[in-house]
N, C-alpha and C. Protein backbone atom coordinates (compact mmCIF):
# COMPACT_ATOMS: atom_id res chain seq x y z
N MET A 1 0.85 -1.19 0.00
CA MET A 1 0.00 0.00 0.00
C MET A 1 0.89 1.24 0.00
N ILE A 2 0.47 2.20 -0.78
CA ILE A 2 1.15 3.50 -0.85
C ILE A 2 0.09 4.55 -0.53
N THR A 3 0.46 5.60 0.21
CA THR A 3 -0.49 6.67 0.52
C THR A 3 0.09 8.02 0.11
N ASN A 4 -0.82 8.96 -0.09
CA ASN A 4 -0.45 10.33 -0.43
C ASN A 4 -1.59 11.24 -0.01
N GLU A 5 -1.29 12.48 0.32
CA GLU A 5 -2.33 13.43 0.69
C GLU A 5 -2.07 14.77 0.04
N ILE A 6 -3.15 15.37 -0.48
CA ILE A 6 -3.07 16.73 -1.00
C ILE A 6 -4.22 17.53 -0.41
N GLU A 7 -4.06 18.85 -0.40
CA GLU A 7 -5.14 19.73 0.06
C GLU A 7 -5.43 20.73 -1.05
N ILE A 8 -6.72 20.85 -1.36
CA ILE A 8 -7.16 21.80 -2.38
C ILE A 8 -8.34 22.57 -1.81
N LYS A 9 -8.17 23.89 -1.67
CA LYS A 9 -9.21 24.77 -1.13
C LYS A 9 -9.82 24.19 0.15
N LYS A 10 -8.95 23.80 1.06
CA LYS A 10 -9.30 23.30 2.39
C LYS A 10 -9.89 21.89 2.41
N SER A 11 -10.14 21.28 1.25
CA SER A 11 -10.56 19.88 1.22
C SER A 11 -9.30 19.02 1.22
N ARG A 12 -9.33 17.96 2.03
CA ARG A 12 -8.21 17.00 2.07
C ARG A 12 -8.55 15.79 1.22
N PHE A 13 -7.60 15.39 0.40
CA PHE A 13 -7.74 14.21 -0.45
C PHE A 13 -6.63 13.24 -0.05
N ILE A 14 -7.01 12.16 0.62
CA ILE A 14 -6.05 11.15 1.07
C ILE A 14 -6.19 9.96 0.13
N THR A 15 -5.11 9.61 -0.53
CA THR A 15 -5.15 8.59 -1.57
C THR A 15 -4.38 7.35 -1.15
N TYR A 16 -4.98 6.21 -1.45
CA TYR A 16 -4.37 4.91 -1.17
C TYR A 16 -4.26 4.14 -2.48
N LEU A 17 -3.15 3.45 -2.67
CA LEU A 17 -2.97 2.60 -3.83
C LEU A 17 -2.62 1.20 -3.34
N TYR A 18 -3.35 0.22 -3.85
CA TYR A 18 -3.11 -1.18 -3.51
C TYR A 18 -2.91 -1.97 -4.78
N GLU A 19 -1.98 -2.90 -4.75
CA GLU A 19 -1.87 -3.89 -5.82
C GLU A 19 -2.72 -5.07 -5.37
N ILE A 20 -3.65 -5.48 -6.22
CA ILE A 20 -4.61 -6.52 -5.84
C ILE A 20 -4.62 -7.63 -6.88
N GLU A 21 -5.07 -8.79 -6.46
CA GLU A 21 -5.13 -9.95 -7.35
C GLU A 21 -6.55 -10.32 -7.73
N ASN A 22 -7.53 -10.04 -6.83
CA ASN A 22 -8.91 -10.41 -7.13
C ASN A 22 -9.88 -9.48 -6.40
N GLU A 23 -11.12 -9.52 -6.84
CA GLU A 23 -12.15 -8.61 -6.31
C GLU A 23 -12.48 -8.88 -4.85
N SER A 24 -12.23 -10.08 -4.36
CA SER A 24 -12.58 -10.40 -2.98
C SER A 24 -11.80 -9.56 -1.97
N GLU A 25 -10.65 -9.05 -2.35
CA GLU A 25 -9.84 -8.21 -1.46
C GLU A 25 -10.44 -6.81 -1.29
N ILE A 26 -11.16 -6.36 -2.30
CA ILE A 26 -11.56 -4.95 -2.37
C ILE A 26 -12.52 -4.55 -1.27
N GLU A 27 -13.55 -5.34 -1.03
CA GLU A 27 -14.55 -4.99 -0.02
C GLU A 27 -13.92 -4.81 1.36
N LYS A 28 -13.02 -5.69 1.71
CA LYS A 28 -12.35 -5.59 3.02
C LYS A 28 -11.52 -4.31 3.11
N ILE A 29 -10.78 -4.01 2.06
CA ILE A 29 -9.96 -2.79 2.04
C ILE A 29 -10.84 -1.55 2.17
N ILE A 30 -11.92 -1.47 1.39
CA ILE A 30 -12.82 -0.31 1.42
C ILE A 30 -13.44 -0.17 2.81
N ASN A 31 -13.91 -1.26 3.37
CA ASN A 31 -14.53 -1.22 4.70
C ASN A 31 -13.53 -0.74 5.75
N ASN A 32 -12.28 -1.19 5.68
CA ASN A 32 -11.26 -0.74 6.63
C ASN A 32 -10.99 0.75 6.49
N ILE A 33 -10.93 1.23 5.26
CA ILE A 33 -10.70 2.67 5.04
C ILE A 33 -11.88 3.49 5.55
N LYS A 34 -13.10 3.03 5.27
CA LYS A 34 -14.29 3.75 5.76
C LYS A 34 -14.33 3.76 7.29
N GLU A 35 -13.90 2.69 7.91
CA GLU A 35 -13.85 2.62 9.38
C GLU A 35 -12.82 3.62 9.93
N GLU A 36 -11.69 3.70 9.26
CA GLU A 36 -10.61 4.62 9.67
C GLU A 36 -10.99 6.08 9.46
N HIS A 37 -11.80 6.35 8.45
CA HIS A 37 -12.15 7.73 8.07
C HIS A 37 -13.66 7.95 8.18
N LYS A 38 -14.20 7.71 9.37
CA LYS A 38 -15.65 7.80 9.58
C LYS A 38 -16.22 9.17 9.27
N LYS A 39 -15.42 10.22 9.44
CA LYS A 39 -15.93 11.58 9.25
C LYS A 39 -15.71 12.10 7.83
N ALA A 40 -15.16 11.28 6.95
CA ALA A 40 -14.92 11.71 5.57
C ALA A 40 -16.25 11.86 4.84
N ARG A 41 -16.31 12.81 3.94
CA ARG A 41 -17.52 13.03 3.16
C ARG A 41 -17.68 11.98 2.05
N HIS A 42 -16.55 11.62 1.40
CA HIS A 42 -16.60 10.67 0.28
C HIS A 42 -15.42 9.71 0.36
N VAL A 43 -15.66 8.46 -0.02
CA VAL A 43 -14.61 7.46 -0.20
C VAL A 43 -14.80 6.89 -1.60
N VAL A 44 -14.08 7.49 -2.53
CA VAL A 44 -14.19 7.15 -3.95
C VAL A 44 -13.16 6.06 -4.25
N TYR A 45 -13.57 5.07 -5.05
CA TYR A 45 -12.57 4.07 -5.42
C TYR A 45 -12.75 3.61 -6.85
N VAL A 46 -11.62 3.17 -7.40
CA VAL A 46 -11.57 2.66 -8.76
C VAL A 46 -10.62 1.47 -8.74
N TYR A 47 -11.03 0.40 -9.40
CA TYR A 47 -10.09 -0.70 -9.54
C TYR A 47 -10.11 -1.24 -10.96
N LYS A 48 -9.00 -1.89 -11.28
CA LYS A 48 -8.87 -2.55 -12.57
C LYS A 48 -8.15 -3.87 -12.32
N ILE A 49 -8.85 -4.97 -12.61
CA ILE A 49 -8.31 -6.31 -12.44
C ILE A 49 -8.51 -7.07 -13.74
N ASN A 50 -7.44 -7.68 -14.23
CA ASN A 50 -7.52 -8.45 -15.48
C ASN A 50 -8.20 -7.65 -16.59
N ASN A 51 -7.85 -6.37 -16.65
CA ASN A 51 -8.37 -5.45 -17.66
C ASN A 51 -9.87 -5.17 -17.56
N ASN A 52 -10.48 -5.50 -16.42
CA ASN A 52 -11.87 -5.13 -16.15
C ASN A 52 -11.86 -4.10 -15.02
N GLY A 53 -12.59 -3.01 -15.20
CA GLY A 53 -12.57 -1.96 -14.21
C GLY A 53 -13.92 -1.68 -13.60
N LYS A 54 -13.89 -1.03 -12.45
CA LYS A 54 -15.11 -0.57 -11.79
C LYS A 54 -14.82 0.79 -11.16
N ILE A 55 -15.82 1.66 -11.23
CA ILE A 55 -15.72 3.01 -10.69
C ILE A 55 -16.84 3.21 -9.68
N ASN A 56 -16.51 3.79 -8.51
CA ASN A 56 -17.51 4.15 -7.52
C ASN A 56 -17.26 5.59 -7.09
N ASP A 57 -18.19 6.50 -7.44
CA ASP A 57 -18.04 7.93 -7.14
C ASP A 57 -18.43 8.30 -5.70
N ASP A 58 -19.06 7.40 -4.98
CA ASP A 58 -19.49 7.61 -3.59
C ASP A 58 -20.12 8.98 -3.36
N GLY A 59 -21.07 9.32 -4.20
CA GLY A 59 -21.84 10.54 -3.97
C GLY A 59 -21.30 11.80 -4.63
N GLU A 60 -20.10 11.75 -5.17
CA GLU A 60 -19.60 12.91 -5.91
C GLU A 60 -20.39 12.98 -7.24
N PRO A 61 -20.50 14.16 -7.84
CA PRO A 61 -21.22 14.26 -9.11
C PRO A 61 -20.64 13.30 -10.16
N LYS A 62 -21.52 12.67 -10.90
CA LYS A 62 -21.10 11.66 -11.89
C LYS A 62 -20.02 12.20 -12.82
N GLY A 63 -18.98 11.41 -12.97
CA GLY A 63 -17.90 11.75 -13.88
C GLY A 63 -16.82 12.66 -13.31
N THR A 64 -16.98 13.10 -12.05
CA THR A 64 -16.01 14.06 -11.50
C THR A 64 -14.99 13.42 -10.57
N ALA A 65 -15.18 12.15 -10.19
CA ALA A 65 -14.29 11.54 -9.20
C ALA A 65 -13.66 10.25 -9.73
N GLY A 66 -14.49 9.23 -9.92
CA GLY A 66 -13.97 7.95 -10.37
C GLY A 66 -13.39 7.97 -11.77
N MET A 67 -14.06 8.66 -12.68
CA MET A 67 -13.59 8.67 -14.07
C MET A 67 -12.20 9.29 -14.22
N PRO A 68 -11.90 10.42 -13.58
CA PRO A 68 -10.54 10.95 -13.72
C PRO A 68 -9.49 9.99 -13.14
N ILE A 69 -9.83 9.28 -12.07
CA ILE A 69 -8.89 8.30 -11.50
C ILE A 69 -8.68 7.17 -12.51
N PHE A 70 -9.79 6.67 -13.07
CA PHE A 70 -9.70 5.59 -14.06
C PHE A 70 -8.88 6.02 -15.27
N ASN A 71 -9.06 7.26 -15.71
CA ASN A 71 -8.29 7.77 -16.85
C ASN A 71 -6.79 7.74 -16.58
N VAL A 72 -6.39 8.09 -15.36
CA VAL A 72 -4.96 8.07 -14.99
C VAL A 72 -4.44 6.64 -14.96
N ILE A 73 -5.24 5.70 -14.46
CA ILE A 73 -4.86 4.29 -14.46
C ILE A 73 -4.64 3.82 -15.90
N GLU A 74 -5.58 4.16 -16.77
CA GLU A 74 -5.49 3.75 -18.18
C GLU A 74 -4.27 4.38 -18.86
N LYS A 75 -4.06 5.67 -18.61
CA LYS A 75 -2.95 6.39 -19.24
C LYS A 75 -1.60 5.76 -18.88
N ASN A 76 -1.54 5.22 -17.65
CA ASN A 76 -0.30 4.60 -17.18
C ASN A 76 -0.28 3.09 -17.44
N ASN A 77 -1.30 2.61 -18.14
CA ASN A 77 -1.36 1.21 -18.54
C ASN A 77 -1.20 0.25 -17.36
N LEU A 78 -1.91 0.55 -16.25
CA LEU A 78 -1.81 -0.27 -15.04
C LEU A 78 -2.94 -1.28 -14.98
N ASN A 79 -2.70 -2.38 -14.28
CA ASN A 79 -3.68 -3.43 -14.11
C ASN A 79 -3.49 -4.01 -12.71
N ASN A 80 -4.50 -4.70 -12.20
CA ASN A 80 -4.47 -5.28 -10.86
C ASN A 80 -4.14 -4.21 -9.82
N ILE A 81 -4.94 -3.16 -9.84
CA ILE A 81 -4.70 -2.01 -8.99
C ILE A 81 -6.03 -1.48 -8.44
N LEU A 82 -5.96 -1.00 -7.21
CA LEU A 82 -7.09 -0.33 -6.56
C LEU A 82 -6.60 1.01 -6.05
N ILE A 83 -7.31 2.06 -6.43
CA ILE A 83 -7.00 3.40 -5.89
C ILE A 83 -8.25 3.89 -5.16
N VAL A 84 -8.03 4.31 -3.91
CA VAL A 84 -9.10 4.83 -3.07
C VAL A 84 -8.72 6.26 -2.69
N VAL A 85 -9.65 7.19 -2.87
CA VAL A 85 -9.42 8.59 -2.47
C VAL A 85 -10.48 8.96 -1.45
N VAL A 86 -10.00 9.33 -0.26
CA VAL A 86 -10.87 9.76 0.83
C VAL A 86 -10.90 11.28 0.79
N ARG A 87 -12.10 11.85 0.76
CA ARG A 87 -12.22 13.31 0.72
C ARG A 87 -12.89 13.83 1.98
N TYR A 88 -12.17 14.73 2.64
CA TYR A 88 -12.75 15.49 3.75
C TYR A 88 -13.09 16.87 3.19
N PHE A 89 -14.36 17.20 3.15
CA PHE A 89 -14.83 18.46 2.59
C PHE A 89 -14.36 19.63 3.46
N GLY A 90 -13.77 20.63 2.81
CA GLY A 90 -13.20 21.76 3.53
C GLY A 90 -14.10 22.98 3.60
N GLY A 91 -15.33 22.88 3.07
CA GLY A 91 -16.25 24.00 3.17
C GLY A 91 -16.33 24.86 1.93
N ILE A 92 -15.44 24.62 0.97
CA ILE A 92 -15.45 25.40 -0.27
C ILE A 92 -15.78 24.44 -1.41
N LYS A 93 -16.87 24.72 -2.12
CA LYS A 93 -17.24 23.86 -3.25
C LYS A 93 -16.23 24.04 -4.38
N LEU A 94 -15.82 22.92 -4.96
CA LEU A 94 -14.79 22.96 -6.00
C LEU A 94 -15.38 23.01 -7.40
N GLY A 95 -16.66 22.67 -7.55
CA GLY A 95 -17.27 22.61 -8.87
C GLY A 95 -16.81 21.37 -9.61
N ALA A 96 -17.49 21.06 -10.70
CA ALA A 96 -17.19 19.84 -11.45
C ALA A 96 -15.74 19.82 -11.96
N GLY A 97 -15.31 20.91 -12.54
CA GLY A 97 -13.94 20.97 -13.06
C GLY A 97 -12.90 20.85 -11.96
N GLY A 98 -13.16 21.51 -10.85
CA GLY A 98 -12.24 21.44 -9.71
C GLY A 98 -12.14 20.04 -9.12
N LEU A 99 -13.30 19.37 -9.03
CA LEU A 99 -13.30 17.99 -8.54
C LEU A 99 -12.54 17.08 -9.50
N PHE A 100 -12.81 17.23 -10.80
CA PHE A 100 -12.13 16.42 -11.80
C PHE A 100 -10.62 16.58 -11.68
N ARG A 101 -10.15 17.83 -11.57
CA ARG A 101 -8.71 18.08 -11.45
C ARG A 101 -8.15 17.54 -10.14
N ALA A 102 -8.90 17.68 -9.04
CA ALA A 102 -8.43 17.20 -7.74
C ALA A 102 -8.26 15.68 -7.72
N TYR A 103 -9.25 14.98 -8.25
CA TYR A 103 -9.15 13.51 -8.26
C TYR A 103 -8.10 13.04 -9.27
N SER A 104 -7.95 13.73 -10.38
CA SER A 104 -6.88 13.41 -11.34
C SER A 104 -5.51 13.59 -10.70
N LYS A 105 -5.35 14.70 -10.00
CA LYS A 105 -4.07 14.99 -9.34
C LYS A 105 -3.78 13.95 -8.26
N SER A 106 -4.80 13.59 -7.49
CA SER A 106 -4.62 12.57 -6.44
C SER A 106 -4.11 11.27 -7.04
N ALA A 107 -4.75 10.83 -8.12
CA ALA A 107 -4.36 9.58 -8.77
C ALA A 107 -2.97 9.70 -9.40
N SER A 108 -2.70 10.81 -10.07
CA SER A 108 -1.40 11.00 -10.73
C SER A 108 -0.26 10.97 -9.73
N GLU A 109 -0.44 11.66 -8.59
CA GLU A 109 0.62 11.72 -7.60
C GLU A 109 0.90 10.35 -6.97
N ILE A 110 -0.15 9.59 -6.67
CA ILE A 110 0.06 8.27 -6.04
C ILE A 110 0.70 7.30 -7.04
N ILE A 111 0.31 7.39 -8.30
CA ILE A 111 0.91 6.50 -9.30
C ILE A 111 2.38 6.90 -9.54
N LYS A 112 2.66 8.18 -9.51
CA LYS A 112 4.06 8.61 -9.64
C LYS A 112 4.89 8.05 -8.48
N LYS A 113 4.34 8.09 -7.27
CA LYS A 113 5.04 7.50 -6.11
C LYS A 113 5.30 6.03 -6.34
N LYS A 114 4.30 5.32 -6.86
CA LYS A 114 4.45 3.89 -7.12
C LYS A 114 5.55 3.63 -8.14
N LEU A 115 5.52 4.37 -9.22
CA LEU A 115 6.48 4.15 -10.30
C LEU A 115 7.90 4.56 -9.90
N ASP A 116 8.01 5.50 -8.96
CA ASP A 116 9.32 5.95 -8.50
C ASP A 116 9.97 4.95 -7.54
N ASN A 117 9.15 4.06 -6.95
CA ASN A 117 9.69 3.08 -5.98
C ASN A 117 10.37 1.93 -6.68
């Protein structure tokens, strides 16, 4: 597991990256993260296993959270990966474009950390 955190307009985006082998691991990981971050507004996740992907926006406007993460996974040609972004709302609305950029940046930074290791 690799973690990273960024802050954008007082919202905190805590990102986790896991290398996974099958879908059965995902539910346990998500539940553990939700337990750890009970006060978070959103727990967005995206995974890709054996070239099949799933996106969960967890209440963020459609296309503004999971899709940008998935796009970064695809751009980096990654597979067997789970990225979870926990968002603590900072009181300032980011708008659709701001959310898209924030989730893209969260995914890009965590993948860069992975590739640098």
